[in-house]
């Protein structure tokens, strides 16, 4: 094959590819997240990677990040011909850009097969047509939970979300974090009460949501560009800058409600926020793990009540590491009935990338093997195979070296893969039913009977820390 005819096998821009040590880190985190989700009774589901375009565009999700034109039935040439002829309509498909909109369609499709409130978790890959850059991907894994009910959903489910977030990040031990909580009704009601035109409220909320990214000066400029005058702009800025302890902020909001005209929506938002905070406390979440932040809005149109963003303290530039909120009408879009829900999402691929770069996480060893049984001589292979199987039955991950090489080379191979222990059995050891166990990290080597080998390895493994934060 001529050089010019070589196939370009580089990964497409924005689509990640993991080395074994990186993939093992992802699986480690997924396992911790899954266990927390399941401890609260969430059940797993999976939805297709491809959805009908009209589903993904429900509730105003017309975003530029949808990857269009994916038809799993037609080959690319016929799909292109269809699109050129303008034949799209109900058969137009695209890759899902999040888990929440597909969840709404999933519930609509399986309404009579599910029990409600329906609590599910999903740890699938999603796709966004974004400009690929450092920490931003076109394909990434999201870990989501949502609870959806028919007609009414207790605010205690909203309170449960910060408890779950807190438990996950404490278990993976990535440092101090802060869950910032707000309620969209508080923002909407405030804007209504101070006289912001109804048709400007959603755009104003979106502008406020970008405060951390663009700063206060640019927020003021953006509000002015929306036609919001200086007086109203200053009222908005003063409002979102209300800070203090949770109780102080709630007291300020309640006092403010007494002086606002037509504050029904605002009062409802404050009442809901206070109820959620009480629930968070009753669930035992530490006071230093959460706060009320009136600038948190979440830009997506479908959020209607409680909203959350989680920040890693000392690393605020990483942005939100877990976010979500309550929605009242998303599922009802497909069914024509009220089906409120609340959920959170961890963009795991993005999070891993950011935490690795910041040095907060480390990759794991390339292999899950904890022990290598080295190959001293070919005629002892039956013994090596038998010992390896006995160790596996004891719950130990084992690599058996089938190739005979100098012992030093085998130690190097084990060390390169992050395998700490090597089992050495020569003809004398085999005859005496003994082995040598070498710790490649400390250099220590001990004699152990084959009957006691598994227990000896287990005892030593308990002292080995394998956390990616160690």
Protein backbone atom coordinates (compact mmCIF):
# COMPACT_ATOMS: atom_id res chain seq x y z
CA UNK A 1 0.00 0.00 0.00
CA UNK A 2 1.42 3.38 -1.02
CA UNK A 3 1.97 5.97 1.73
CA UNK A 4 -0.78 8.19 0.29
CA UNK A 5 -3.20 5.25 0.45
CA UNK A 6 -2.76 4.64 4.19
CA UNK A 7 -5.94 4.67 6.23
CA UNK A 8 -6.28 7.50 8.74
CA UNK A 9 -6.94 5.57 11.94
CA UNK A 10 -6.75 8.53 14.35
CA UNK A 11 -9.77 9.01 16.61
CA UNK A 12 -12.41 11.47 15.35
CA UNK A 13 -12.18 14.87 17.03
CA UNK A 14 -14.11 15.02 20.28
CA UNK A 15 -14.57 11.26 20.64
CA UNK A 16 -12.50 9.92 23.56
CA UNK A 17 -10.56 6.68 23.60
CA UNK A 18 -9.30 5.23 26.88
CA UNK A 19 -6.12 3.40 27.76
CA UNK A 20 -6.66 0.46 30.15
CA UNK A 21 -5.59 2.50 33.20
CA UNK A 22 -8.10 5.25 32.29
CA UNK A 23 -10.93 2.82 31.59
CA UNK A 24 -10.33 1.09 34.91
CA UNK A 25 -10.62 4.47 36.64
CA UNK A 26 -13.94 5.09 34.89
CA UNK A 27 -15.22 1.65 35.96
CA UNK A 28 -14.05 2.27 39.54
CA UNK A 29 -16.06 5.51 39.68
CA UNK A 30 -19.06 3.97 37.92
CA UNK A 31 -19.14 1.19 40.49
CA UNK A 32 -19.11 3.64 43.42
CA UNK A 33 -21.80 5.80 41.80
CA UNK A 34 -23.97 2.77 40.97
CA UNK A 35 -23.82 1.48 44.54
CA UNK A 36 -24.99 4.83 45.94
CA UNK A 37 -27.79 5.08 43.37
CA UNK A 38 -28.99 1.57 44.19
CA UNK A 39 -28.80 2.20 47.95
CA UNK A 40 -31.59 4.76 47.43
CA UNK A 41 -33.66 2.29 45.41
CA UNK A 42 -32.94 3.56 41.89
CA UNK A 43 -33.26 0.92 39.17
CA UNK A 44 -31.21 0.76 35.94
CA UNK A 45 -32.57 1.30 32.44
CA UNK A 46 -31.07 1.92 29.01
CA UNK A 47 -32.48 3.98 26.16
CA UNK A 48 -31.39 3.95 22.49
CA UNK A 49 -28.45 6.10 21.43
CA UNK A 50 -30.65 7.25 18.54
CA UNK A 51 -34.00 9.00 19.04
CA UNK A 52 -36.51 10.58 16.71
CA UNK A 53 -35.56 14.18 16.12
CA UNK A 54 -38.98 15.44 17.15
CA UNK A 55 -38.49 13.74 20.55
CA UNK A 56 -35.14 15.43 21.14
CA UNK A 57 -36.56 18.80 20.11
CA UNK A 58 -39.49 18.58 22.54
CA UNK A 59 -39.87 21.41 25.05
CA UNK A 60 -37.85 23.85 23.00
CA UNK A 61 -34.61 21.85 22.85
CA UNK A 62 -33.63 23.17 19.43
CA UNK A 63 -29.99 23.49 20.51
CA UNK A 64 -27.05 23.62 18.16
CA UNK A 65 -25.56 20.65 20.03
CA UNK A 66 -27.85 18.02 18.51
CA UNK A 67 -26.03 15.72 16.07
CA UNK A 68 -28.55 15.44 13.24
CA UNK A 69 -29.24 13.13 10.33
CA UNK A 70 -28.56 9.77 11.94
CA UNK A 71 -30.79 7.12 10.35
CA UNK A 72 -30.00 3.58 11.55
CA UNK A 73 -31.99 2.02 8.69
CA UNK A 74 -30.72 3.72 5.55
CA UNK A 75 -27.10 3.60 4.34
CA UNK A 76 -25.39 7.03 4.19
CA UNK A 77 -25.84 7.50 0.40
CA UNK A 78 -29.61 6.89 0.56
CA UNK A 79 -29.93 9.02 3.70
CA UNK A 80 -28.20 11.88 1.88
CA UNK A 81 -30.57 11.48 -1.07
CA UNK A 82 -33.58 11.63 1.27
CA UNK A 83 -32.30 14.78 2.97
CA UNK A 84 -31.53 16.41 -0.40
CA UNK A 85 -35.08 15.73 -1.47
CA UNK A 86 -36.37 17.22 1.77
CA UNK A 87 -37.78 13.91 3.00
CA UNK A 88 -37.25 14.11 6.75
CA UNK A 89 -40.31 14.61 8.94
CA UNK A 90 -41.13 11.87 11.42
CA UNK A 91 -38.29 9.63 10.24
CA UNK A 92 -35.58 12.18 10.96
CA UNK A 93 -33.34 10.87 13.74
CA UNK A 94 -30.45 12.13 15.83
CA UNK A 95 -28.12 11.01 18.58
CA UNK A 96 -29.38 11.73 22.10
CA UNK A 97 -27.71 14.74 23.71
CA UNK A 98 -28.77 13.96 27.30
CA UNK A 99 -30.66 11.29 29.29
CA UNK A 100 -33.64 13.34 30.51
CA UNK A 101 -35.56 13.92 27.28
CA UNK A 102 -35.14 10.25 26.22
CA UNK A 103 -36.34 9.27 29.72
CA UNK A 104 -39.56 11.19 29.12
CA UNK A 105 -40.10 9.31 25.86
CA UNK A 106 -39.20 6.01 27.58
CA UNK A 107 -41.87 6.58 30.24
CA UNK A 108 -44.42 7.45 27.56
CA UNK A 109 -43.58 4.23 25.70
CA UNK A 110 -43.73 2.01 28.82
CA UNK A 111 -46.32 3.85 30.91
CA UNK A 112 -48.41 0.75 31.69
CA UNK A 113 -45.36 -1.38 32.52
CA UNK A 114 -43.86 0.93 35.17
CA UNK A 115 -44.74 1.72 38.78
CA UNK A 116 -44.74 5.29 40.05
CA UNK A 117 -42.96 7.19 41.42
CA UNK A 118 -40.49 5.70 38.95
CA UNK A 119 -36.88 6.05 40.13
CA UNK A 120 -34.26 5.11 37.57
CA UNK A 121 -30.55 5.48 37.01
CA UNK A 122 -28.76 5.51 33.69
CA UNK A 123 -25.03 5.59 32.96
CA UNK A 124 -25.04 5.81 29.17
CA UNK A 125 -23.05 7.61 26.50
CA UNK A 126 -24.57 10.78 25.01
CA UNK A 127 -23.54 12.89 22.01
CA UNK A 128 -23.29 16.62 21.42
CA UNK A 129 -22.27 18.46 18.30
CA UNK A 130 -20.00 20.83 20.18
CA UNK A 131 -16.69 22.26 19.10
CA UNK A 132 -14.23 19.75 20.52
CA UNK A 133 -11.66 21.20 22.89
CA UNK A 134 -9.85 20.41 26.12
CA UNK A 135 -12.36 18.88 28.54
CA UNK A 136 -15.24 19.12 26.05
CA UNK A 137 -16.29 16.05 24.11
CA UNK A 138 -18.78 15.12 21.42
CA UNK A 139 -19.26 11.72 23.03
CA UNK A 140 -19.25 11.32 26.79
CA UNK A 141 -20.77 9.24 29.56
CA UNK A 142 -23.42 10.70 31.86
CA UNK A 143 -24.55 9.20 35.15
CA UNK A 144 -28.15 10.28 35.76
CA UNK A 145 -30.88 9.61 38.28
CA UNK A 146 -34.47 10.83 38.01
CA UNK A 147 -37.69 10.25 39.93
CA UNK A 148 -40.91 10.78 37.96
CA UNK A 149 -44.44 10.63 39.39
CA UNK A 150 -47.97 10.91 38.09
CA UNK A 151 -49.68 14.17 39.10
CA UNK A 152 -47.74 14.91 42.35
CA UNK A 153 -44.13 14.37 43.45
CA UNK A 154 -43.04 15.02 47.05
CA UNK A 155 -40.41 17.71 47.56
CA UNK A 156 -38.55 15.18 49.71
CA UNK A 157 -37.32 13.65 46.45
CA UNK A 158 -35.77 17.06 45.73
CA UNK A 159 -34.18 16.95 49.19
CA UNK A 160 -32.84 13.46 48.55
CA UNK A 161 -30.74 14.59 45.57
CA UNK A 162 -28.15 16.58 47.61
CA UNK A 163 -27.87 13.62 50.00
CA UNK A 164 -27.01 11.37 47.06
CA UNK A 165 -24.57 13.89 45.58
CA UNK A 166 -22.86 14.29 48.95
CA UNK A 167 -22.55 10.55 49.50
CA UNK A 168 -21.06 9.93 46.05
CA UNK A 169 -18.36 12.58 46.27
CA UNK A 170 -17.48 11.68 49.85
CA UNK A 171 -17.02 8.04 48.82
CA UNK A 172 -14.73 8.84 45.89
CA UNK A 173 -12.82 11.27 48.12
CA UNK A 174 -12.03 14.02 45.61
CA UNK A 175 -11.89 16.83 48.18
CA UNK A 176 -14.27 19.42 49.61
CA UNK A 177 -17.32 20.30 47.53
CA UNK A 178 -20.37 22.54 47.83
CA UNK A 179 -23.89 21.75 46.56
CA UNK A 180 -25.53 25.04 45.60
CA UNK A 181 -29.32 24.95 45.70
CA UNK A 182 -31.93 27.35 44.34
CA UNK A 183 -35.49 27.30 43.01
CA UNK A 184 -36.49 28.59 39.59
CA UNK A 185 -39.80 29.86 41.01
CA UNK A 186 -37.81 32.17 43.30
CA UNK A 187 -36.10 33.72 40.28
CA UNK A 188 -39.20 33.78 38.08
CA UNK A 189 -41.31 35.22 40.88
CA UNK A 190 -38.78 37.90 41.68
CA UNK A 191 -38.55 38.98 38.04
CA UNK A 192 -42.34 39.11 37.83
CA UNK A 193 -42.64 41.13 41.04
CA UNK A 194 -40.13 43.80 40.03
CA UNK A 195 -41.80 44.27 36.65
CA UNK A 196 -39.64 42.34 34.16
CA UNK A 197 -41.83 41.66 31.09
CA UNK A 198 -43.07 38.06 30.97
CA UNK A 199 -41.51 37.46 27.56
CA UNK A 200 -38.09 38.49 28.90
CA UNK A 201 -37.97 36.34 32.04
CA UNK A 202 -36.55 33.15 30.48
CA UNK A 203 -33.79 35.05 28.68
CA UNK A 204 -32.97 36.92 31.91
CA UNK A 205 -32.70 33.62 33.78
CA UNK A 206 -30.34 32.29 31.10
CA UNK A 207 -28.18 35.40 31.46
CA UNK A 208 -28.05 35.02 35.26
CA UNK A 209 -27.06 31.38 34.80
CA UNK A 210 -23.88 32.56 33.04
CA UNK A 211 -22.79 34.86 35.90
CA UNK A 212 -19.81 32.71 36.91
CA UNK A 213 -18.63 32.32 33.32
CA UNK A 214 -18.91 35.94 32.16
CA UNK A 215 -18.86 38.02 35.35
CA UNK A 216 -21.17 40.70 36.71
CA UNK A 217 -20.20 43.42 34.22
CA UNK A 218 -21.09 41.28 31.21
CA UNK A 219 -24.30 40.12 32.89
CA UNK A 220 -25.31 43.79 33.15
CA UNK A 221 -24.43 44.30 29.48
CA UNK A 222 -26.44 41.24 28.45
CA UNK A 223 -29.46 42.39 30.48
CA UNK A 224 -29.21 45.82 28.89
CA UNK A 225 -29.11 44.17 25.44
CA UNK A 226 -32.42 42.48 26.39
CA UNK A 227 -33.91 45.90 27.03
CA UNK A 228 -33.78 45.71 30.82
CA UNK A 229 -33.21 49.20 32.20
CA UNK A 230 -30.54 50.14 34.73
CA UNK A 231 -32.92 50.22 37.70
CA UNK A 232 -34.22 46.70 37.07
CA UNK A 233 -30.73 45.42 36.29
CA UNK A 234 -29.42 46.68 39.64
CA UNK A 235 -32.35 45.07 41.46
CA UNK A 236 -31.51 41.75 39.78
CA UNK A 237 -27.82 42.02 40.65
CA UNK A 238 -28.58 42.95 44.27
CA UNK A 239 -30.97 40.01 44.52
CA UNK A 240 -28.63 37.32 43.22
CA UNK A 241 -25.88 38.70 45.49
CA UNK A 242 -27.86 37.87 48.64
CA UNK A 243 -25.46 35.67 50.60
CA UNK A 244 -25.06 34.23 54.08
CA UNK A 245 -25.84 31.00 55.87
CA UNK A 246 -28.77 28.94 54.65
CA UNK A 247 -30.99 30.28 57.44
CA UNK A 248 -29.89 33.87 56.82
CA UNK A 249 -30.70 33.65 53.12
CA UNK A 250 -34.11 32.07 53.83
CA UNK A 251 -34.88 34.83 56.35
CA UNK A 252 -33.92 37.51 53.82
CA UNK A 253 -36.11 35.90 51.16
CA UNK A 254 -39.09 35.67 53.52
CA UNK A 255 -38.64 39.30 54.52
CA UNK A 256 -38.35 40.31 50.87
CA UNK A 257 -41.58 38.46 50.04
CA UNK A 258 -43.47 40.68 52.49
CA UNK A 259 -42.50 43.77 50.49
CA UNK A 260 -42.85 42.48 46.93
CA UNK A 261 -46.04 43.15 44.97
CA UNK A 262 -47.83 40.16 43.42
CA UNK A 263 -45.38 37.74 45.02
CA UNK A 264 -47.40 34.51 44.77
CA UNK A 265 -44.87 32.68 42.57
CA UNK A 266 -41.97 34.07 44.61
CA UNK A 267 -43.60 32.93 47.88
CA UNK A 268 -44.22 29.47 46.47
CA UNK A 269 -40.57 29.20 45.43
CA UNK A 270 -39.35 30.30 48.87
CA UNK A 271 -41.68 27.81 50.58
CA UNK A 272 -40.47 24.98 48.32
CA UNK A 273 -36.84 25.96 48.90
CA UNK A 274 -37.32 25.96 52.68
CA UNK A 275 -39.00 22.53 52.52
CA UNK A 276 -36.13 21.09 50.47
CA UNK A 277 -33.51 22.54 52.84
CA UNK A 278 -35.31 21.02 55.84
CA UNK A 279 -35.33 17.65 54.09
CA UNK A 280 -31.62 17.89 53.24
CA UNK A 281 -30.88 18.49 56.91
CA UNK A 282 -33.10 15.62 58.03
CA UNK A 283 -31.19 13.33 55.66
CA UNK A 284 -28.01 14.17 57.57
CA UNK A 285 -26.14 16.13 54.91
CA UNK A 286 -23.38 18.14 56.59
CA UNK A 287 -24.08 21.89 56.77
CA UNK A 288 -20.76 22.66 55.08
CA UNK A 289 -21.77 20.60 52.02
CA UNK A 290 -24.67 22.77 50.80
CA UNK A 291 -25.83 26.38 50.52
CA UNK A 292 -28.49 28.53 48.86
CA UNK A 293 -27.14 30.34 45.79
CA UNK A 294 -29.67 32.61 44.07
CA UNK A 295 -27.55 32.85 40.91
CA UNK A 296 -28.04 29.14 40.14
CA UNK A 297 -30.66 28.89 37.38
CA UNK A 298 -29.79 25.96 35.06
CA UNK A 299 -30.25 27.14 31.50
CA UNK A 300 -32.49 24.37 30.13
CA UNK A 301 -36.10 25.45 29.65
CA UNK A 302 -37.64 22.38 31.23
CA UNK A 303 -36.48 23.13 34.81
CA UNK A 304 -39.33 24.65 36.85
CA UNK A 305 -38.46 24.32 40.55
CA UNK A 306 -35.47 23.15 42.60
CA UNK A 307 -32.10 23.38 40.81
CA UNK A 308 -28.64 22.21 41.87
CA UNK A 309 -25.02 22.75 40.91
CA UNK A 310 -22.04 21.21 42.70
CA UNK A 311 -18.63 22.88 42.85
CA UNK A 312 -15.29 21.40 43.92
CA UNK A 313 -13.87 23.89 46.42
CA UNK A 314 -10.46 25.19 45.48
CA UNK A 315 -11.08 24.11 41.89
CA UNK A 316 -14.05 26.30 40.98
CA UNK A 317 -12.66 26.77 37.46
CA UNK A 318 -13.63 23.15 36.77
CA UNK A 319 -17.25 24.28 36.75
CA UNK A 320 -20.19 22.23 38.01
CA UNK A 321 -19.32 18.58 38.66
CA UNK A 322 -22.96 17.54 39.19
CA UNK A 323 -26.15 19.42 38.36
CA UNK A 324 -29.87 18.98 37.83
CA UNK A 325 -33.28 20.00 39.07
CA UNK A 326 -37.06 19.58 39.02
CA UNK A 327 -39.26 19.67 35.94
CA UNK A 328 -43.06 19.63 35.84
CA UNK A 329 -44.05 19.34 32.19
CA UNK A 330 -41.34 17.47 30.28
CA UNK A 331 -42.88 13.98 30.46
CA UNK A 332 -46.37 15.42 30.01
CA UNK A 333 -45.22 16.76 26.64
CA UNK A 334 -45.57 13.21 25.31
CA UNK A 335 -48.58 12.07 27.34
CA UNK A 336 -50.72 15.14 27.86
CA UNK A 337 -50.83 14.72 31.64
CA UNK A 338 -48.90 16.19 34.56
CA UNK A 339 -45.86 14.04 35.40
CA UNK A 340 -43.40 15.95 37.59
CA UNK A 341 -39.83 14.75 37.97
CA UNK A 342 -36.54 15.65 39.59
CA UNK A 343 -33.05 14.46 38.74
CA UNK A 344 -29.31 15.05 38.72
CA UNK A 345 -26.53 14.28 36.26
CA UNK A 346 -22.79 13.70 36.51
CA UNK A 347 -20.94 14.19 33.22
CA UNK A 348 -18.43 11.48 34.12
CA UNK A 349 -16.15 11.65 31.07
CA UNK A 350 -15.74 15.40 31.40
CA UNK A 351 -15.29 15.10 35.16
CA UNK A 352 -12.56 12.45 34.89
CA UNK A 353 -10.72 14.50 32.27
CA UNK A 354 -10.78 17.61 34.46
CA UNK A 355 -9.84 15.83 37.69
CA UNK A 356 -6.94 13.97 36.07
CA UNK A 357 -5.59 17.18 34.60
CA UNK A 358 -5.90 18.94 37.96
CA UNK A 359 -4.07 16.10 39.70
CA UNK A 360 -7.07 15.35 41.93
CA UNK A 361 -7.46 11.83 40.51
CA UNK A 362 -4.87 9.33 39.32
CA UNK A 363 -5.36 6.52 36.84
CA UNK A 364 -5.39 2.98 38.18
CA UNK A 365 -2.95 0.26 37.18
CA UNK A 366 -3.44 -1.04 33.61
CA UNK A 367 -4.63 -4.46 34.80
CA UNK A 368 -6.97 -5.61 37.55
CA UNK A 369 -4.60 -8.52 38.25
CA UNK A 370 -3.19 -8.48 41.79
CA UNK A 371 -0.83 -11.43 41.42
CA UNK A 372 1.37 -12.95 38.71
CA UNK A 373 2.29 -16.63 38.88
CA UNK A 374 5.69 -16.64 37.17
CA UNK A 375 6.93 -19.35 34.85
CA UNK A 376 10.10 -21.00 36.14
CA UNK A 377 10.05 -24.16 34.01
CA UNK A 378 7.71 -25.61 31.40
CA UNK A 379 7.16 -28.97 33.12
CA UNK A 380 5.64 -27.18 36.14
CA UNK A 381 2.88 -25.53 34.11
CA UNK A 382 0.20 -27.92 35.53
CA UNK A 383 1.19 -26.71 39.01
CA UNK A 384 1.08 -23.05 37.94
CA UNK A 385 -2.37 -23.50 36.43
CA UNK A 386 -3.66 -25.29 39.53
CA UNK A 387 -2.25 -22.62 41.89
CA UNK A 388 -3.69 -19.84 39.73
CA UNK A 389 -7.16 -21.38 39.79
CA UNK A 390 -7.05 -21.87 43.56
CA UNK A 391 -6.17 -18.19 44.01
CA UNK A 392 -9.01 -17.12 41.70
CA UNK A 393 -11.46 -19.27 43.67
CA UNK A 394 -10.33 -17.34 46.74
CA UNK A 395 -11.30 -14.07 45.03
CA UNK A 396 -7.83 -12.97 43.91
CA UNK A 397 -7.19 -11.66 40.38
CA UNK A 398 -4.34 -13.62 38.81
CA UNK A 399 -2.25 -13.54 35.64
CA UNK A 400 -0.42 -16.77 34.82
CA UNK A 401 2.71 -16.22 32.76
CA UNK A 402 2.65 -18.82 30.00
CA UNK A 403 5.97 -17.71 28.47
CA UNK A 404 9.23 -18.78 30.07
CA UNK A 405 11.61 -15.83 30.43
CA UNK A 406 14.40 -14.84 32.84
CA UNK A 407 12.88 -14.21 36.28
CA UNK A 408 13.96 -10.54 36.27
CA UNK A 409 12.11 -9.97 32.98
CA UNK A 410 8.96 -11.47 34.45
CA UNK A 411 9.23 -9.18 37.47
CA UNK A 412 9.60 -6.20 35.13
CA UNK A 413 6.51 -7.26 33.17
CA UNK A 414 4.48 -7.55 36.38
CA UNK A 415 5.72 -4.21 37.68
CA UNK A 416 4.95 -2.44 34.39
CA UNK A 417 1.33 -3.60 34.65
CA UNK A 418 1.05 -2.52 38.28
CA UNK A 419 0.95 -6.08 39.65
CA UNK A 420 2.45 -5.98 43.11
CA UNK A 421 2.84 -9.66 44.03
CA UNK A 422 4.59 -12.51 42.21
CA UNK A 423 4.28 -16.21 43.12
CA UNK A 424 7.50 -18.15 42.46
CA UNK A 425 7.48 -21.94 42.32
CA UNK A 426 10.50 -23.97 41.20
CA UNK A 427 11.00 -27.73 41.29
CA UNK A 428 12.08 -27.75 44.97
CA UNK A 429 9.10 -25.58 46.02
CA UNK A 430 6.69 -27.74 44.01
CA UNK A 431 7.99 -30.92 45.65
CA UNK A 432 7.58 -29.35 49.12
CA UNK A 433 4.19 -27.83 48.27
CA UNK A 434 5.60 -24.37 48.98
CA UNK A 435 6.10 -21.12 47.09
CA UNK A 436 7.92 -17.81 47.38
CA UNK A 437 5.79 -14.66 47.44
CA UNK A 438 7.57 -11.51 46.30
CA UNK A 439 6.29 -7.99 46.94
CA UNK A 440 7.61 -5.92 44.02
CA UNK A 441 7.00 -2.60 45.82
CA UNK A 442 8.86 -3.38 49.06
CA UNK A 443 11.21 -6.02 47.65
CA UNK A 444 10.26 -8.37 50.49
CA UNK A 445 10.12 -12.10 49.68
CA UNK A 446 8.60 -14.71 52.01
CA UNK A 447 8.16 -18.47 51.94
CA UNK A 448 4.53 -19.67 52.10
CA UNK A 449 2.93 -23.10 51.87
CA UNK A 450 0.56 -23.53 48.93
CA UNK A 451 -2.28 -24.23 51.38
CA UNK A 452 -1.72 -20.84 53.07
CA UNK A 453 -0.84 -18.88 49.92
CA UNK A 454 -4.29 -17.40 49.24
CA UNK A 455 -4.75 -16.20 52.83
CA UNK A 456 -1.25 -14.70 52.93
CA UNK A 457 -1.94 -12.75 49.73
CA UNK A 458 -5.32 -11.59 51.05
CA UNK A 459 -3.74 -10.36 54.27
CA UNK A 460 -1.19 -8.37 52.34
CA UNK A 461 -3.74 -7.00 49.86
CA UNK A 462 -5.80 -5.48 52.68
CA UNK A 463 -2.90 -3.14 53.39
CA UNK A 464 -2.60 -2.07 49.75
CA UNK A 465 -4.47 1.17 48.99
CA UNK A 466 -5.79 1.14 45.43
CA UNK A 467 -7.87 4.34 45.48
CA UNK A 468 -7.32 6.69 42.51
CA UNK A 469 -7.07 9.58 45.00
CA UNK A 470 -4.17 7.99 46.93
